Amino acid sequence: MKAYLCEKWMHYSELELRDDVAPPVLSAGQVRIAVHYATAGFGQTLVIAGKYQRKPPLPFVPGTEISGVILEVASDVTGFSPGDRVAAALDWGGYAEQAVASASTTWHVPDVVSLATAASVPLTYGTSYAALHWRGRLQAGDALLVYGAAGGVGLPAVELGRLAGARVIAVAGSDARVQIALDRGAHAGIVHGSGQLSQQVRDLNGWKNVDVVFDPVGGALFDEALRCLKPEGRILVVGFASGEIPKIPANILLVKNAEIIGFNFGLYIGWGLTDEREVYRQRLKDMMDTLFGHVAAGELKPESSKPFPLHRLADAFDAVIARTVVGRALIQVAPEAY
């Protein structure tokens, strides 16, 4: 099959598309999927470079979020059949014509939702939803500050925050990207670097600080988040797209009675120190049913780039790094049948 095979840790631009890669072996508890679409995000560049906290065994095919059609199911798997349209979160293997996924992290796609749209739901919307609701305890009426608000997980956080009844303040790197977040439901927006962020947040929020900060960026913006936070507020640490891991001043947490909440979606899908995906299987299914229900109803509108063909994977990553992509970069592996 055609696939990108990562045989050593490297820059993503060094990956080569091959047509002689053996299809993955189907094991117990798994389904085989003909991949139609995959996504490309910042995290995958770290995986390919060997800089992510979880390293697949070499050699491996990168790619962790896909949609497609089931080709085969293991004998112990129920609830799936060949021909089913599905989306899945993978350990790895998405940048290929075929992938195998655990049935625990594979979900049916409603007929009214295209596979192109479905590809960015499992990890992209799953991350934002679980962070905000499972860990952040977001409530209607809360003020929510979202960093990277036009990015892969930031834009879903904007949509999901608005859907939950929160007042959403979006922070992004340019006027154009702030406008994208406003168009998707943010109540107000700020271009970071345009002034003292904490003062701008209070100006836009009735002279009040915020209840929850969704932070996939880190670095200096994290320090600003502490200044923006109400007493008993929560900062969700989702990632470090800035490349800088912040140091947390415990004295400020004490004074503000604040919480810094780490969030690693990988825990729920089997990427933790131990594989606990079965523990969270029903919880994940309930969440995915909710998310796909909102997508089917038009209440969530997953955003991705114009599809990059598989052979242009490096171009997709370039667009992610340059922040010219709204939402996720979408990779088209095969044409959608229906």
Protein backbone atom coordinates (compact mmCIF):
# COMPACT_ATOMS: atom_id res chain seq x y z
CA MET A 1 0.00 0.00 0.00
CA LYS A 2 0.99 3.66 -0.27
CA ALA A 3 2.15 5.03 3.06
CA TYR A 4 4.69 7.26 4.76
CA LEU A 5 7.07 5.04 6.73
CA CYS A 6 9.09 6.77 9.45
CA GLU A 7 12.23 4.67 9.94
CA LYS A 8 14.13 7.17 12.11
CA TRP A 9 13.34 10.38 13.98
CA MET A 10 13.39 13.16 11.43
CA HIS A 11 11.94 16.46 10.30
CA TYR A 12 8.58 15.90 8.61
CA SER A 13 9.96 17.24 5.32
CA GLU A 14 12.24 14.18 5.14
CA LEU A 15 9.34 11.71 5.03
CA GLU A 16 8.88 9.97 1.69
CA LEU A 17 5.69 8.45 0.33
CA ARG A 18 6.26 4.81 -0.57
CA ASP A 19 4.10 2.35 -2.45
CA ASP A 20 5.63 -0.87 -1.08
CA VAL A 21 4.58 -0.71 2.58
CA ALA A 22 2.93 -3.87 3.90
CA PRO A 23 -0.64 -3.33 5.17
CA PRO A 24 -0.87 -3.44 8.97
CA VAL A 25 -1.74 -6.72 10.67
CA LEU A 26 -5.29 -6.94 12.05
CA SER A 27 -5.18 -8.05 15.69
CA ALA A 28 -7.87 -8.95 18.23
CA GLY A 29 -10.13 -6.06 19.13
CA GLN A 30 -9.34 -4.12 15.98
CA VAL A 31 -10.94 -3.04 12.71
CA ARG A 32 -9.23 -2.46 9.36
CA ILE A 33 -10.15 0.84 7.70
CA ALA A 34 -9.72 2.05 4.14
CA VAL A 35 -8.49 5.56 4.94
CA HIS A 36 -10.21 8.39 3.09
CA TYR A 37 -9.03 11.35 5.16
CA ALA A 38 -6.48 12.05 7.88
CA THR A 39 -5.52 15.22 9.71
CA ALA A 40 -2.18 16.96 10.21
CA GLY A 41 -1.51 18.98 13.33
CA PHE A 42 1.44 20.36 15.27
CA GLY A 43 1.62 17.30 17.53
CA GLN A 44 2.40 14.99 14.62
CA THR A 45 5.48 17.02 13.74
CA LEU A 46 6.77 16.28 17.24
CA VAL A 47 5.96 12.58 16.94
CA ILE A 48 7.87 12.30 13.65
CA ALA A 49 10.84 14.14 15.20
CA GLY A 50 10.83 11.88 18.27
CA LYS A 51 10.07 14.85 20.53
CA TYR A 52 6.59 13.84 21.65
CA GLN A 53 6.14 12.33 25.11
CA ARG A 54 4.97 9.09 23.51
CA LYS A 55 7.24 7.49 20.92
CA PRO A 56 5.92 4.80 18.56
CA PRO A 57 8.25 1.87 17.85
CA LEU A 58 10.37 2.42 14.74
CA PRO A 59 9.55 1.97 11.91
CA PHE A 60 5.98 3.28 11.96
CA VAL A 61 3.44 5.10 9.82
CA PRO A 62 2.51 8.45 11.42
CA GLY A 63 -1.03 9.82 11.63
CA THR A 64 -3.48 9.45 14.50
CA GLU A 65 -6.86 10.82 13.32
CA ILE A 66 -8.73 9.42 10.32
CA SER A 67 -12.05 8.75 8.68
CA GLY A 68 -12.88 6.05 6.18
CA VAL A 69 -14.74 2.83 5.51
CA ILE A 70 -14.30 -0.46 7.36
CA LEU A 71 -12.79 -3.26 5.30
CA GLU A 72 -12.50 -5.99 7.91
CA VAL A 73 -13.20 -6.64 11.59
CA ALA A 74 -11.45 -9.00 13.97
CA SER A 75 -13.44 -12.05 15.02
CA ASP A 76 -13.99 -10.73 18.56
CA VAL A 77 -15.31 -7.32 17.48
CA THR A 78 -19.02 -6.56 17.55
CA GLY A 79 -20.91 -3.46 16.49
CA PHE A 80 -18.93 -2.89 13.28
CA SER A 81 -19.20 -4.44 9.82
CA PRO A 82 -17.39 -4.03 6.50
CA GLY A 83 -18.78 -1.00 4.68
CA ASP A 84 -19.44 1.06 7.82
CA ARG A 85 -18.41 4.71 7.61
CA VAL A 86 -16.29 5.52 10.65
CA ALA A 87 -13.86 7.94 12.25
CA ALA A 88 -11.10 6.76 14.53
CA ALA A 89 -8.30 7.79 16.86
CA LEU A 90 -5.21 5.70 16.16
CA ASP A 91 -2.02 4.92 18.00
CA TRP A 92 -0.34 5.59 14.63
CA GLY A 93 -0.81 4.54 10.99
CA GLY A 94 -3.10 7.21 9.50
CA TYR A 95 -0.94 8.43 6.60
CA ALA A 96 -1.58 5.31 4.55
CA GLU A 97 -4.20 3.69 2.35
CA GLN A 98 -5.14 1.28 5.13
CA ALA A 99 -4.99 1.54 8.91
CA VAL A 100 -6.01 -0.62 11.84
CA ALA A 101 -7.73 0.91 14.85
CA SER A 102 -8.95 -0.36 18.17
CA ALA A 103 -12.71 -0.84 18.11
CA SER A 104 -12.71 1.10 21.41
CA THR A 105 -11.56 4.25 19.63
CA THR A 106 -13.56 3.87 16.42
CA TRP A 107 -16.96 5.52 16.03
CA HIS A 108 -19.75 5.45 13.45
CA VAL A 109 -20.23 8.54 11.29
CA PRO A 110 -23.85 9.61 10.68
CA ASP A 111 -24.95 9.37 7.05
CA VAL A 112 -25.51 13.13 6.84
CA VAL A 113 -21.90 13.89 7.88
CA SER A 114 -19.22 13.69 5.19
CA LEU A 115 -16.04 11.73 5.83
CA ALA A 116 -14.06 14.92 5.18
CA THR A 117 -15.91 16.62 8.03
CA ALA A 118 -15.76 13.56 10.28
CA ALA A 119 -11.97 13.25 10.11
CA SER A 120 -11.37 16.12 12.53
CA VAL A 121 -13.92 15.09 15.16
CA PRO A 122 -12.18 12.30 17.16
CA LEU A 123 -9.03 14.03 18.41
CA THR A 124 -9.69 17.64 17.48
CA TYR A 125 -13.18 18.11 18.90
CA GLY A 126 -12.68 15.27 21.38
CA THR A 127 -9.73 17.08 22.93
CA SER A 128 -11.57 20.38 23.27
CA TYR A 129 -14.80 18.86 24.57
CA ALA A 130 -13.14 16.63 27.16
CA ALA A 131 -10.86 19.44 28.33
CA LEU A 132 -13.69 21.93 28.78
CA HIS A 133 -16.30 19.60 30.23
CA TRP A 134 -14.50 16.69 31.89
CA ARG A 135 -11.62 18.65 33.40
CA GLY A 136 -12.55 22.33 33.16
CA ARG A 137 -16.10 21.93 34.53
CA LEU A 138 -17.32 24.64 32.16
CA GLN A 139 -20.79 25.96 33.03
CA ALA A 140 -23.30 28.20 31.32
CA GLY A 141 -22.53 31.78 32.23
CA ASP A 142 -18.79 31.20 32.72
CA ALA A 143 -16.32 33.51 30.99
CA LEU A 144 -13.99 31.40 28.84
CA LEU A 145 -10.69 32.69 27.39
CA VAL A 146 -9.44 30.63 24.42
CA TYR A 147 -5.86 30.88 23.15
CA GLY A 148 -4.99 29.81 19.61
CA ALA A 149 -8.63 30.45 18.84
CA ALA A 150 -8.42 29.78 15.08
CA GLY A 151 -6.20 26.72 15.46
CA GLY A 152 -6.77 22.98 15.47
CA VAL A 153 -8.18 22.64 19.00
CA GLY A 154 -8.77 26.33 19.74
CA LEU A 155 -11.50 26.83 17.16
CA PRO A 156 -13.49 23.82 18.43
CA ALA A 157 -13.07 25.20 21.96
CA VAL A 158 -14.65 28.46 20.79
CA GLU A 159 -17.61 26.63 19.25
CA LEU A 160 -18.06 24.27 22.20
CA GLY A 161 -17.79 27.10 24.72
CA ARG A 162 -20.49 29.08 22.92
CA LEU A 163 -22.66 25.95 22.68
CA ALA A 164 -22.28 25.42 26.44
CA GLY A 165 -23.54 28.93 27.15
CA ALA A 166 -20.20 30.47 28.15
CA ARG A 167 -19.06 33.98 27.22
CA VAL A 168 -16.13 33.28 24.89
CA ILE A 169 -13.17 35.64 24.45
CA ALA A 170 -10.90 34.52 21.62
CA VAL A 171 -7.17 35.23 21.41
CA ALA A 172 -5.32 34.71 18.12
CA GLY A 173 -2.28 35.99 16.25
CA SER A 174 -3.88 38.36 13.74
CA ASP A 175 -7.03 40.33 13.06
CA ALA A 176 -8.00 37.84 10.37
CA ARG A 177 -7.69 34.87 12.72
CA VAL A 178 -9.58 36.65 15.47
CA GLN A 179 -12.35 37.31 12.95
CA ILE A 180 -12.53 33.60 12.18
CA ALA A 181 -13.19 32.90 15.85
CA LEU A 182 -15.79 35.66 16.02
CA ASP A 183 -17.53 34.20 12.99
CA ARG A 184 -17.68 30.84 14.78
CA GLY A 185 -19.28 32.14 17.95
CA ALA A 186 -16.75 34.04 20.07
CA HIS A 187 -18.31 37.05 21.76
CA ALA A 188 -15.11 39.11 21.64
CA GLY A 189 -11.57 38.80 20.33
CA ILE A 190 -8.03 39.99 21.00
CA VAL A 191 -4.88 39.91 18.88
CA HIS A 192 -2.13 38.77 21.24
CA GLY A 193 0.75 41.20 21.42
CA SER A 194 -1.50 44.19 20.79
CA GLY A 195 -1.42 45.39 24.41
CA GLN A 196 -1.63 44.13 27.97
CA LEU A 197 -3.80 41.07 27.56
CA SER A 198 -5.20 40.98 31.09
CA GLN A 199 -6.43 44.58 30.80
CA GLN A 200 -8.00 43.90 27.40
CA VAL A 201 -9.76 40.82 28.78
CA ARG A 202 -11.25 42.80 31.66
CA ASP A 203 -12.32 45.57 29.28
CA LEU A 204 -14.18 43.01 27.17
CA ASN A 205 -15.67 41.13 30.12
CA GLY A 206 -17.36 43.86 32.13
CA TRP A 207 -14.19 44.65 34.13
CA LYS A 208 -14.08 41.09 35.38
CA ASN A 209 -11.54 38.31 35.02
CA VAL A 210 -12.44 34.92 33.52
CA ASP A 211 -13.49 31.59 34.99
CA VAL A 212 -11.67 29.26 32.58
CA VAL A 213 -8.65 29.60 30.27
CA PHE A 214 -8.13 27.07 27.46
CA ASP A 215 -4.38 27.16 26.73
CA PRO A 216 -2.81 25.06 23.94
CA VAL A 217 -0.02 27.66 23.51
CA GLY A 218 1.95 28.02 26.76
CA GLY A 219 4.93 30.36 27.00
CA ALA A 220 4.33 34.00 27.88
CA LEU A 221 0.60 33.68 27.26
CA PHE A 222 0.35 31.33 30.24
CA ASP A 223 1.69 34.08 32.52
CA GLU A 224 -0.98 36.40 31.12
CA ALA A 225 -3.60 33.73 31.79
CA LEU A 226 -2.79 33.85 35.50
CA ARG A 227 -3.41 37.61 35.50
CA CYS A 228 -6.75 37.09 33.71
CA LEU A 229 -8.08 34.51 36.15
CA LYS A 230 -10.80 34.97 38.76
CA PRO A 231 -10.41 33.54 42.25
CA GLU A 232 -11.22 29.81 41.98
CA GLY A 233 -10.64 30.03 38.23
CA ARG A 234 -9.14 27.22 36.15
CA ILE A 235 -6.41 27.16 33.50
CA LEU A 236 -6.48 24.14 31.20
CA VAL A 237 -2.95 23.25 30.07
CA VAL A 238 -3.60 21.58 26.71
CA GLY A 239 -0.28 22.00 24.90
CA PHE A 240 2.76 24.14 24.18
CA ALA A 241 2.48 25.33 20.58
CA SER A 242 4.74 28.27 21.45
CA GLY A 243 7.56 25.80 22.08
CA GLU A 244 8.00 27.12 25.63
CA ILE A 245 6.81 25.23 28.70
CA PRO A 246 5.80 27.74 31.38
CA LYS A 247 6.92 27.63 35.00
CA ILE A 248 4.01 27.84 37.42
CA PRO A 249 4.34 30.26 40.37
CA ALA A 250 2.66 28.42 43.22
CA ASN A 251 2.27 31.59 45.27
CA ILE A 252 -0.19 33.03 42.74
CA LEU A 253 -2.23 29.81 42.84
CA LEU A 254 -2.41 30.19 46.61
CA VAL A 255 -3.45 33.84 46.54
CA LYS A 256 -6.10 33.31 43.87
CA ASN A 257 -7.31 29.88 45.01
CA ALA A 258 -6.70 28.99 41.37
CA GLU A 259 -6.34 25.63 39.64
CA ILE A 260 -3.87 24.70 36.93
CA ILE A 261 -5.36 21.60 35.30
CA GLY A 262 -3.24 19.40 33.08
CA PHE A 263 -5.12 17.81 30.21
CA ASN A 264 -3.85 14.91 28.14
CA PHE A 265 -6.53 13.41 25.90
CA GLY A 266 -4.17 10.53 25.26
CA LEU A 267 -5.01 9.09 28.67
CA TYR A 268 -8.52 8.27 27.49
CA ILE A 269 -7.55 6.71 24.14
CA GLY A 270 -4.77 4.40 25.29
CA TRP A 271 -1.73 6.67 25.02
CA GLY A 272 -0.98 6.84 28.75
CA LEU A 273 1.72 5.00 30.67
CA THR A 274 -0.72 2.10 30.70
CA ASP A 275 -3.39 1.45 28.06
CA GLU A 276 -6.70 2.38 29.70
CA ARG A 277 -8.85 2.90 26.61
CA GLU A 278 -11.25 0.15 27.69
CA VAL A 279 -11.83 1.95 31.00
CA TYR A 280 -13.05 5.03 29.14
CA ARG A 281 -14.70 3.27 26.19
CA GLN A 282 -18.31 4.09 27.10
CA ARG A 283 -17.46 7.61 28.20
CA LEU A 284 -15.75 8.24 24.87
CA LYS A 285 -18.63 6.74 22.91
CA ASP A 286 -21.13 8.96 24.73
CA MET A 287 -19.01 12.02 23.95
CA MET A 288 -18.58 11.10 20.28
CA ASP A 289 -22.31 10.46 19.94
CA THR A 290 -22.89 13.94 21.38
CA LEU A 291 -20.32 15.57 19.11
CA PHE A 292 -21.51 13.87 15.93
CA GLY A 293 -25.08 14.72 16.92
CA HIS A 294 -24.15 18.41 17.10
CA VAL A 295 -22.32 18.17 13.77
CA ALA A 296 -25.27 16.44 12.11
CA ALA A 297 -27.59 19.17 13.44
CA GLY A 298 -25.32 21.93 12.14
CA GLU A 299 -24.54 23.16 15.67
CA LEU A 300 -20.83 22.41 15.25
CA LYS A 301 -19.04 23.00 11.96
CA PRO A 302 -15.63 21.31 11.91
CA GLU A 303 -13.22 23.47 9.97
CA SER A 304 -10.29 22.18 7.98
CA SER A 305 -8.15 23.21 5.06
CA LYS A 306 -8.85 22.43 1.47
CA PRO A 307 -7.68 18.80 1.34
CA PHE A 308 -4.02 18.22 0.63
CA PRO A 309 -3.42 15.04 -1.40
CA LEU A 310 -1.41 12.41 0.44
CA HIS A 311 1.76 13.14 -1.52
CA ARG A 312 1.69 16.76 -0.25
CA LEU A 313 1.80 15.89 3.44
CA ALA A 314 4.86 18.12 3.99
CA ASP A 315 2.97 21.08 2.50
CA ALA A 316 0.16 20.48 4.96
CA PHE A 317 2.58 20.54 7.88
CA ASP A 318 4.19 23.70 6.48
CA ALA A 319 0.77 25.36 6.51
CA VAL A 320 0.19 24.25 10.10
CA ILE A 321 3.54 25.68 11.24
CA ALA A 322 2.92 28.93 9.35
CA ARG A 323 -0.56 29.19 10.92
CA THR A 324 -2.19 29.65 7.54
CA VAL A 325 -4.61 26.79 8.21
CA VAL A 326 -7.95 27.36 9.90
CA GLY A 327 -8.74 24.41 12.14
CA ARG A 328 -6.97 21.23 11.05
CA ALA A 329 -4.99 20.54 7.90
CA LEU A 330 -6.89 17.83 6.04
CA ILE A 331 -5.14 15.06 4.10
CA GLN A 332 -7.09 13.26 1.39
CA VAL A 333 -5.94 9.67 0.99
CA ALA A 334 -8.79 8.36 -1.21
CA PRO A 335 -11.83 9.92 -2.86
CA GLU A 336 -15.02 9.77 -0.82
CA ALA A 337 -17.39 7.19 -2.25
CA TYR A 338 -20.53 8.80 -0.85
